[in-house]
Amino acid sequence: VTISSFVSMNNSFNAGIESLKRVQPENIGGGDNGWGILYPRTYACTAANGLSLKPNYIAIDWVHIGDAFEVVHHINFGGRVSTGQRCETGLDCATGSCSIRRKVCHCQRCDEDARPGCSGCAGGEECLEVGDGVNKC
């Protein structure tokens, strides 16, 4: 078993037209390669391995479409989680928070006891309501 300190990507070459439709950024959560879908999947893998180890690589279709490079960069180096993708509920968002009024992913307002990074904001930033049902870092 090789354990890498950095996540890399692999285009899985399942390049059928159905997979092309699923990766389009205008889809809910930014599509299969968007923050709202790909980011939670990587953390589900981390939780499932029982050792809290991030995945060594992520295999996706259409590597050049969507947010995969940004997600991998965030997993490797941290920083702000992307927002602004179309959503119906918080389950469609990497931050877990959807502006119901505007139907876009935004940062999450967290209480004092929340896990570090709860909001999706970078270290030292706070998620604040800016009006019209939207939060920003």
N, C-alpha and C. Protein backbone atom coordinates (compact mmCIF):
# COMPACT_ATOMS: atom_id res chain seq x y z
N VAL A 1 0.85 -1.18 0.00
CA VAL A 1 0.00 0.00 0.00
C VAL A 1 0.88 1.23 0.00
N THR A 2 0.60 2.13 -0.91
CA THR A 2 1.34 3.39 -0.97
C THR A 2 0.48 4.48 -0.36
N ILE A 3 1.02 5.20 0.59
CA ILE A 3 0.31 6.33 1.17
C ILE A 3 1.01 7.59 0.73
N SER A 4 0.28 8.42 0.00
CA SER A 4 0.84 9.65 -0.53
C SER A 4 0.42 10.81 0.35
N SER A 5 1.24 11.84 0.41
CA SER A 5 0.86 13.01 1.17
C SER A 5 0.00 13.97 0.34
N PHE A 6 -0.08 13.74 -0.96
CA PHE A 6 -0.89 14.59 -1.83
C PHE A 6 -1.85 13.75 -2.64
N VAL A 7 -3.05 14.29 -2.86
CA VAL A 7 -4.05 13.65 -3.70
C VAL A 7 -3.75 14.01 -5.14
N SER A 8 -3.88 13.05 -6.05
CA SER A 8 -3.75 13.32 -7.47
C SER A 8 -5.03 12.86 -8.16
N MET A 9 -5.18 13.17 -9.45
CA MET A 9 -6.38 12.81 -10.20
C MET A 9 -6.03 11.88 -11.34
N ASN A 10 -7.02 11.10 -11.75
CA ASN A 10 -6.88 10.22 -12.88
C ASN A 10 -8.16 10.31 -13.70
N ASN A 11 -8.05 10.62 -14.98
CA ASN A 11 -9.23 10.62 -15.85
C ASN A 11 -9.58 9.17 -16.11
N SER A 12 -10.77 8.74 -15.66
CA SER A 12 -11.11 7.32 -15.73
C SER A 12 -11.54 6.87 -17.13
N PHE A 13 -11.62 7.78 -18.07
CA PHE A 13 -11.87 7.47 -19.48
C PHE A 13 -13.19 6.73 -19.73
N ASN A 14 -14.18 6.96 -18.92
CA ASN A 14 -15.52 6.45 -19.17
C ASN A 14 -16.28 7.56 -19.87
N ALA A 15 -15.83 7.92 -21.04
CA ALA A 15 -16.23 9.16 -21.69
C ALA A 15 -17.50 9.05 -22.53
N GLY A 16 -18.51 8.35 -22.05
CA GLY A 16 -19.78 8.28 -22.77
C GLY A 16 -20.54 9.59 -22.65
N ILE A 17 -21.54 9.76 -23.50
CA ILE A 17 -22.32 10.99 -23.51
C ILE A 17 -23.09 11.17 -22.20
N GLU A 18 -23.51 10.07 -21.55
CA GLU A 18 -24.21 10.17 -20.26
C GLU A 18 -23.30 10.80 -19.22
N SER A 19 -22.04 10.39 -19.17
CA SER A 19 -21.13 10.96 -18.17
C SER A 19 -20.84 12.42 -18.49
N LEU A 20 -20.80 12.79 -19.76
CA LEU A 20 -20.58 14.18 -20.14
C LEU A 20 -21.73 15.06 -19.64
N LYS A 21 -22.96 14.56 -19.72
CA LYS A 21 -24.11 15.32 -19.22
C LYS A 21 -24.04 15.51 -17.71
N ARG A 22 -23.52 14.53 -16.98
CA ARG A 22 -23.49 14.59 -15.52
C ARG A 22 -22.42 15.53 -14.98
N VAL A 23 -21.41 15.88 -15.76
CA VAL A 23 -20.33 16.73 -15.24
C VAL A 23 -20.54 18.22 -15.53
N GLN A 24 -21.59 18.59 -16.21
CA GLN A 24 -21.79 19.99 -16.58
C GLN A 24 -21.94 20.87 -15.33
N PRO A 25 -21.18 21.96 -15.24
CA PRO A 25 -21.18 22.83 -14.05
C PRO A 25 -22.53 23.45 -13.71
N GLU A 26 -23.45 23.56 -14.67
CA GLU A 26 -24.76 24.15 -14.35
C GLU A 26 -25.68 23.16 -13.63
N ASN A 27 -25.27 21.90 -13.51
CA ASN A 27 -26.06 20.91 -12.78
C ASN A 27 -26.04 21.21 -11.29
N ILE A 28 -26.99 20.64 -10.57
CA ILE A 28 -27.04 20.76 -9.12
C ILE A 28 -25.69 20.38 -8.53
N GLY A 29 -25.18 21.17 -7.60
CA GLY A 29 -23.91 20.89 -6.95
C GLY A 29 -22.70 21.09 -7.83
N GLY A 30 -22.89 21.63 -9.02
CA GLY A 30 -21.79 21.83 -9.95
C GLY A 30 -21.50 20.60 -10.80
N GLY A 31 -22.41 19.64 -10.82
CA GLY A 31 -22.22 18.41 -11.60
C GLY A 31 -21.31 17.43 -10.86
N ASP A 32 -21.11 16.26 -11.44
CA ASP A 32 -20.31 15.21 -10.79
C ASP A 32 -18.91 15.66 -10.43
N ASN A 33 -18.33 16.60 -11.20
CA ASN A 33 -16.99 17.09 -10.91
C ASN A 33 -17.02 18.41 -10.14
N GLY A 34 -18.18 18.79 -9.64
CA GLY A 34 -18.34 20.05 -8.91
C GLY A 34 -18.09 19.89 -7.42
N TRP A 35 -17.90 21.01 -6.76
CA TRP A 35 -17.67 21.03 -5.32
C TRP A 35 -18.74 20.29 -4.55
N GLY A 36 -20.01 20.49 -4.90
CA GLY A 36 -21.12 19.93 -4.14
C GLY A 36 -21.24 18.42 -4.23
N ILE A 37 -20.64 17.82 -5.24
CA ILE A 37 -20.70 16.36 -5.40
C ILE A 37 -19.34 15.73 -5.07
N LEU A 38 -18.28 16.22 -5.70
CA LEU A 38 -16.96 15.61 -5.56
C LEU A 38 -16.36 15.78 -4.17
N TYR A 39 -16.46 16.96 -3.61
CA TYR A 39 -15.87 17.23 -2.29
C TYR A 39 -16.45 16.33 -1.20
N PRO A 40 -17.79 16.23 -1.07
CA PRO A 40 -18.33 15.32 -0.06
C PRO A 40 -17.95 13.85 -0.30
N ARG A 41 -17.83 13.45 -1.57
CA ARG A 41 -17.43 12.06 -1.86
C ARG A 41 -16.03 11.77 -1.35
N THR A 42 -15.12 12.72 -1.50
CA THR A 42 -13.75 12.47 -1.03
C THR A 42 -13.72 12.34 0.49
N TYR A 43 -14.54 13.12 1.18
CA TYR A 43 -14.57 13.01 2.63
C TYR A 43 -15.33 11.78 3.11
N ALA A 44 -16.25 11.26 2.31
CA ALA A 44 -16.90 9.99 2.64
C ALA A 44 -15.86 8.87 2.57
N CYS A 45 -14.96 8.93 1.59
CA CYS A 45 -13.87 7.94 1.49
C CYS A 45 -12.95 8.04 2.70
N THR A 46 -12.63 9.25 3.10
CA THR A 46 -11.77 9.47 4.26
C THR A 46 -12.40 8.86 5.51
N ALA A 47 -13.68 9.08 5.70
CA ALA A 47 -14.37 8.54 6.87
C ALA A 47 -14.47 7.02 6.80
N ALA A 48 -14.69 6.48 5.60
CA ALA A 48 -14.90 5.04 5.43
C ALA A 48 -13.63 4.22 5.66
N ASN A 49 -12.46 4.81 5.46
CA ASN A 49 -11.25 3.99 5.61
C ASN A 49 -10.88 3.75 7.06
N GLY A 50 -11.54 4.43 7.99
CA GLY A 50 -11.34 4.19 9.41
C GLY A 50 -10.04 4.74 9.97
N LEU A 51 -9.20 5.30 9.14
CA LEU A 51 -7.91 5.83 9.58
C LEU A 51 -7.80 7.33 9.37
N SER A 52 -8.87 7.94 8.87
CA SER A 52 -8.90 9.37 8.55
C SER A 52 -7.82 9.76 7.55
N LEU A 53 -7.50 8.84 6.65
CA LEU A 53 -6.53 9.13 5.59
C LEU A 53 -7.27 9.61 4.36
N LYS A 54 -6.80 10.71 3.77
CA LYS A 54 -7.42 11.18 2.54
C LYS A 54 -7.06 10.22 1.42
N PRO A 55 -7.88 10.19 0.36
CA PRO A 55 -7.58 9.28 -0.76
C PRO A 55 -6.26 9.63 -1.43
N ASN A 56 -5.62 8.62 -2.03
CA ASN A 56 -4.37 8.85 -2.76
C ASN A 56 -4.64 9.48 -4.12
N TYR A 57 -5.74 9.10 -4.75
CA TYR A 57 -6.10 9.68 -6.04
C TYR A 57 -7.62 9.67 -6.19
N ILE A 58 -8.10 10.48 -7.10
CA ILE A 58 -9.52 10.58 -7.42
C ILE A 58 -9.66 10.30 -8.91
N ALA A 59 -10.46 9.30 -9.26
CA ALA A 59 -10.69 8.96 -10.67
C ALA A 59 -12.01 9.60 -11.09
N ILE A 60 -11.96 10.43 -12.12
CA ILE A 60 -13.15 11.12 -12.61
C ILE A 60 -13.18 11.09 -14.13
N ASP A 61 -14.35 11.31 -14.69
CA ASP A 61 -14.49 11.49 -16.14
C ASP A 61 -14.41 12.97 -16.45
N TRP A 62 -13.95 13.30 -17.63
CA TRP A 62 -13.94 14.67 -18.12
C TRP A 62 -13.20 15.59 -17.15
N VAL A 63 -11.97 15.26 -16.88
CA VAL A 63 -11.16 15.96 -15.88
C VAL A 63 -11.07 17.47 -16.14
N HIS A 64 -11.20 17.89 -17.37
CA HIS A 64 -11.08 19.31 -17.72
C HIS A 64 -12.38 20.10 -17.49
N ILE A 65 -13.47 19.43 -17.10
CA ILE A 65 -14.75 20.10 -16.88
C ILE A 65 -15.07 20.07 -15.38
N GLY A 66 -15.41 21.23 -14.84
CA GLY A 66 -15.83 21.28 -13.44
C GLY A 66 -14.73 21.77 -12.51
N ASP A 67 -14.87 21.39 -11.24
CA ASP A 67 -14.02 21.93 -10.18
C ASP A 67 -13.00 20.95 -9.61
N ALA A 68 -12.74 19.85 -10.29
CA ALA A 68 -11.89 18.80 -9.74
C ALA A 68 -10.51 19.31 -9.33
N PHE A 69 -9.89 20.15 -10.14
CA PHE A 69 -8.56 20.66 -9.79
C PHE A 69 -8.61 21.50 -8.51
N GLU A 70 -9.66 22.33 -8.37
CA GLU A 70 -9.82 23.14 -7.16
C GLU A 70 -10.07 22.27 -5.93
N VAL A 71 -10.90 21.24 -6.07
CA VAL A 71 -11.19 20.34 -4.95
C VAL A 71 -9.92 19.64 -4.49
N VAL A 72 -9.15 19.12 -5.42
CA VAL A 72 -7.90 18.44 -5.08
C VAL A 72 -6.93 19.41 -4.42
N HIS A 73 -6.83 20.63 -4.93
CA HIS A 73 -5.95 21.63 -4.32
C HIS A 73 -6.39 21.90 -2.88
N HIS A 74 -7.70 22.01 -2.65
CA HIS A 74 -8.20 22.26 -1.30
C HIS A 74 -7.87 21.08 -0.36
N ILE A 75 -8.05 19.87 -0.83
CA ILE A 75 -7.75 18.70 -0.01
C ILE A 75 -6.27 18.66 0.35
N ASN A 76 -5.43 19.02 -0.60
CA ASN A 76 -3.98 18.99 -0.36
C ASN A 76 -3.48 20.16 0.49
N PHE A 77 -4.04 21.35 0.29
CA PHE A 77 -3.46 22.54 0.89
C PHE A 77 -4.42 23.36 1.77
N GLY A 78 -5.72 23.04 1.79
CA GLY A 78 -6.68 23.79 2.59
C GLY A 78 -7.13 25.06 1.90
N GLY A 79 -7.75 25.95 2.66
CA GLY A 79 -8.25 27.22 2.13
C GLY A 79 -9.76 27.24 2.09
N ARG A 80 -10.30 28.17 1.35
CA ARG A 80 -11.75 28.38 1.27
C ARG A 80 -12.40 27.34 0.36
N VAL A 81 -13.56 26.85 0.78
CA VAL A 81 -14.35 25.93 -0.03
C VAL A 81 -15.17 26.76 -1.01
N SER A 82 -15.27 26.32 -2.24
CA SER A 82 -15.99 27.08 -3.26
C SER A 82 -17.48 27.12 -2.99
N THR A 83 -18.10 28.22 -3.37
CA THR A 83 -19.54 28.41 -3.24
C THR A 83 -20.08 28.96 -4.56
N GLY A 84 -21.39 29.10 -4.65
CA GLY A 84 -22.01 29.69 -5.84
C GLY A 84 -22.63 28.68 -6.78
N GLN A 85 -22.47 27.37 -6.52
CA GLN A 85 -23.08 26.37 -7.37
C GLN A 85 -24.59 26.35 -7.14
N ARG A 86 -25.33 25.89 -8.15
CA ARG A 86 -26.79 25.79 -8.04
C ARG A 86 -27.13 24.68 -7.06
N CYS A 87 -28.17 24.90 -6.22
CA CYS A 87 -28.53 23.90 -5.22
C CYS A 87 -30.03 23.92 -4.95
N GLU A 88 -30.51 22.81 -4.40
CA GLU A 88 -31.88 22.71 -3.90
C GLU A 88 -31.87 22.63 -2.38
N THR A 89 -30.88 21.92 -1.81
CA THR A 89 -30.73 21.79 -0.36
C THR A 89 -29.24 21.86 -0.02
N GLY A 90 -28.94 21.90 1.27
CA GLY A 90 -27.54 21.91 1.70
C GLY A 90 -26.78 20.67 1.29
N LEU A 91 -27.47 19.57 1.02
CA LEU A 91 -26.80 18.35 0.59
C LEU A 91 -26.16 18.49 -0.79
N ASP A 92 -26.53 19.53 -1.53
CA ASP A 92 -25.96 19.78 -2.86
C ASP A 92 -24.69 20.62 -2.79
N CYS A 93 -24.28 21.03 -1.59
CA CYS A 93 -23.19 21.98 -1.43
C CYS A 93 -22.04 21.40 -0.63
N ALA A 94 -20.82 21.75 -1.00
CA ALA A 94 -19.64 21.31 -0.26
C ALA A 94 -19.65 21.87 1.16
N THR A 95 -20.23 23.03 1.36
CA THR A 95 -20.30 23.64 2.68
C THR A 95 -21.46 23.10 3.50
N GLY A 96 -22.38 22.38 2.86
CA GLY A 96 -23.56 21.88 3.54
C GLY A 96 -24.64 22.93 3.72
N SER A 97 -24.52 24.07 3.03
CA SER A 97 -25.46 25.17 3.22
C SER A 97 -25.89 25.76 1.88
N CYS A 98 -27.21 25.78 1.65
CA CYS A 98 -27.80 26.31 0.43
C CYS A 98 -28.70 27.49 0.77
N SER A 99 -28.54 28.60 0.09
CA SER A 99 -29.46 29.73 0.24
C SER A 99 -30.77 29.33 -0.44
N ILE A 100 -31.77 29.05 0.35
CA ILE A 100 -33.05 28.60 -0.20
C ILE A 100 -33.67 29.67 -1.08
N ARG A 101 -33.52 30.92 -0.72
CA ARG A 101 -34.10 32.02 -1.50
C ARG A 101 -33.42 32.17 -2.85
N ARG A 102 -32.08 32.09 -2.89
CA ARG A 102 -31.34 32.32 -4.14
C ARG A 102 -30.96 31.03 -4.86
N LYS A 103 -31.09 29.87 -4.17
CA LYS A 103 -30.74 28.55 -4.75
C LYS A 103 -29.28 28.47 -5.16
N VAL A 104 -28.39 29.01 -4.31
CA VAL A 104 -26.95 28.91 -4.54
C VAL A 104 -26.27 28.46 -3.25
N CYS A 105 -25.19 27.70 -3.40
CA CYS A 105 -24.40 27.28 -2.25
C CYS A 105 -23.68 28.49 -1.67
N HIS A 106 -23.63 28.56 -0.35
CA HIS A 106 -22.90 29.64 0.31
C HIS A 106 -22.26 29.10 1.58
N CYS A 107 -21.46 29.93 2.26
CA CYS A 107 -20.80 29.47 3.48
C CYS A 107 -21.83 29.18 4.55
N GLN A 108 -21.45 28.38 5.52
CA GLN A 108 -22.36 27.94 6.57
C GLN A 108 -22.13 28.72 7.85
N ARG A 109 -23.18 29.24 8.44
CA ARG A 109 -23.10 29.90 9.75
C ARG A 109 -22.95 28.81 10.79
N CYS A 110 -21.89 28.82 11.55
CA CYS A 110 -21.59 27.75 12.50
C CYS A 110 -21.66 28.26 13.93
N ASP A 111 -22.04 27.38 14.85
CA ASP A 111 -22.04 27.78 16.26
C ASP A 111 -20.65 27.56 16.86
N GLU A 112 -20.48 27.97 18.09
CA GLU A 112 -19.17 27.91 18.75
C GLU A 112 -18.60 26.50 18.86
N ASP A 113 -19.47 25.51 18.96
CA ASP A 113 -19.02 24.13 19.16
C ASP A 113 -18.80 23.37 17.86
N ALA A 114 -18.91 24.04 16.72
CA ALA A 114 -18.78 23.36 15.43
C ALA A 114 -17.34 22.91 15.19
N ARG A 115 -17.21 21.92 14.33
CA ARG A 115 -15.87 21.42 13.95
C ARG A 115 -15.09 22.52 13.25
N PRO A 116 -13.77 22.50 13.34
CA PRO A 116 -12.96 23.49 12.61
C PRO A 116 -13.25 23.40 11.10
N GLY A 117 -13.34 24.53 10.45
CA GLY A 117 -13.61 24.55 9.02
C GLY A 117 -15.07 24.36 8.66
N CYS A 118 -15.95 24.34 9.65
CA CYS A 118 -17.39 24.11 9.44
C CYS A 118 -17.95 25.00 8.34
N SER A 119 -17.60 26.25 8.35
CA SER A 119 -18.22 27.23 7.44
C SER A 119 -17.81 27.08 5.99
N GLY A 120 -16.63 26.55 5.75
CA GLY A 120 -16.08 26.53 4.40
C GLY A 120 -15.20 27.73 4.13
N CYS A 121 -15.09 28.64 5.11
CA CYS A 121 -14.23 29.82 4.97
C CYS A 121 -12.78 29.42 5.29
N ALA A 122 -11.85 30.20 4.80
CA ALA A 122 -10.44 29.97 5.09
C ALA A 122 -10.15 30.33 6.55
N GLY A 123 -9.05 29.84 7.08
CA GLY A 123 -8.67 30.13 8.45
C GLY A 123 -8.66 31.63 8.72
N GLY A 124 -9.23 32.04 9.85
CA GLY A 124 -9.28 33.45 10.20
C GLY A 124 -10.47 34.19 9.64
N GLU A 125 -11.23 33.56 8.74
CA GLU A 125 -12.43 34.18 8.17
C GLU A 125 -13.66 33.69 8.91
N GLU A 126 -14.71 34.49 8.87
CA GLU A 126 -15.97 34.12 9.50
C GLU A 126 -17.08 34.24 8.46
N CYS A 127 -18.06 33.37 8.54
CA CYS A 127 -19.20 33.40 7.62
C CYS A 127 -20.27 34.32 8.20
N LEU A 128 -20.64 35.35 7.44
CA LEU A 128 -21.62 36.33 7.90
C LEU A 128 -22.75 36.46 6.89
N GLU A 129 -23.95 36.74 7.39
CA GLU A 129 -25.08 36.99 6.51
C GLU A 129 -24.93 38.38 5.90
N VAL A 130 -25.03 38.48 4.57
CA VAL A 130 -24.85 39.76 3.89
C VAL A 130 -26.15 40.30 3.31
N GLY A 131 -27.25 39.61 3.58
CA GLY A 131 -28.55 40.07 3.09
C GLY A 131 -29.07 39.19 1.99
N ASP A 132 -30.36 39.32 1.72
CA ASP A 132 -31.06 38.56 0.69
C ASP A 132 -30.88 37.06 0.84
N GLY A 133 -30.72 36.61 2.09
CA GLY A 133 -30.61 35.18 2.36
C GLY A 133 -29.29 34.55 1.96
N VAL A 134 -28.23 35.35 1.80
CA VAL A 134 -26.93 34.84 1.37
C VAL A 134 -25.88 35.13 2.44
N ASN A 135 -25.01 34.14 2.67
CA ASN A 135 -23.87 34.29 3.56
C ASN A 135 -22.59 34.39 2.75
N LYS A 136 -21.61 35.14 3.26
CA LYS A 136 -20.29 35.25 2.61
C LYS A 136 -19.21 35.24 3.65
N CYS A 137 -18.03 34.75 3.25
CA CYS A 137 -16.86 34.74 4.12
C CYS A 137 -16.30 36.15 4.22
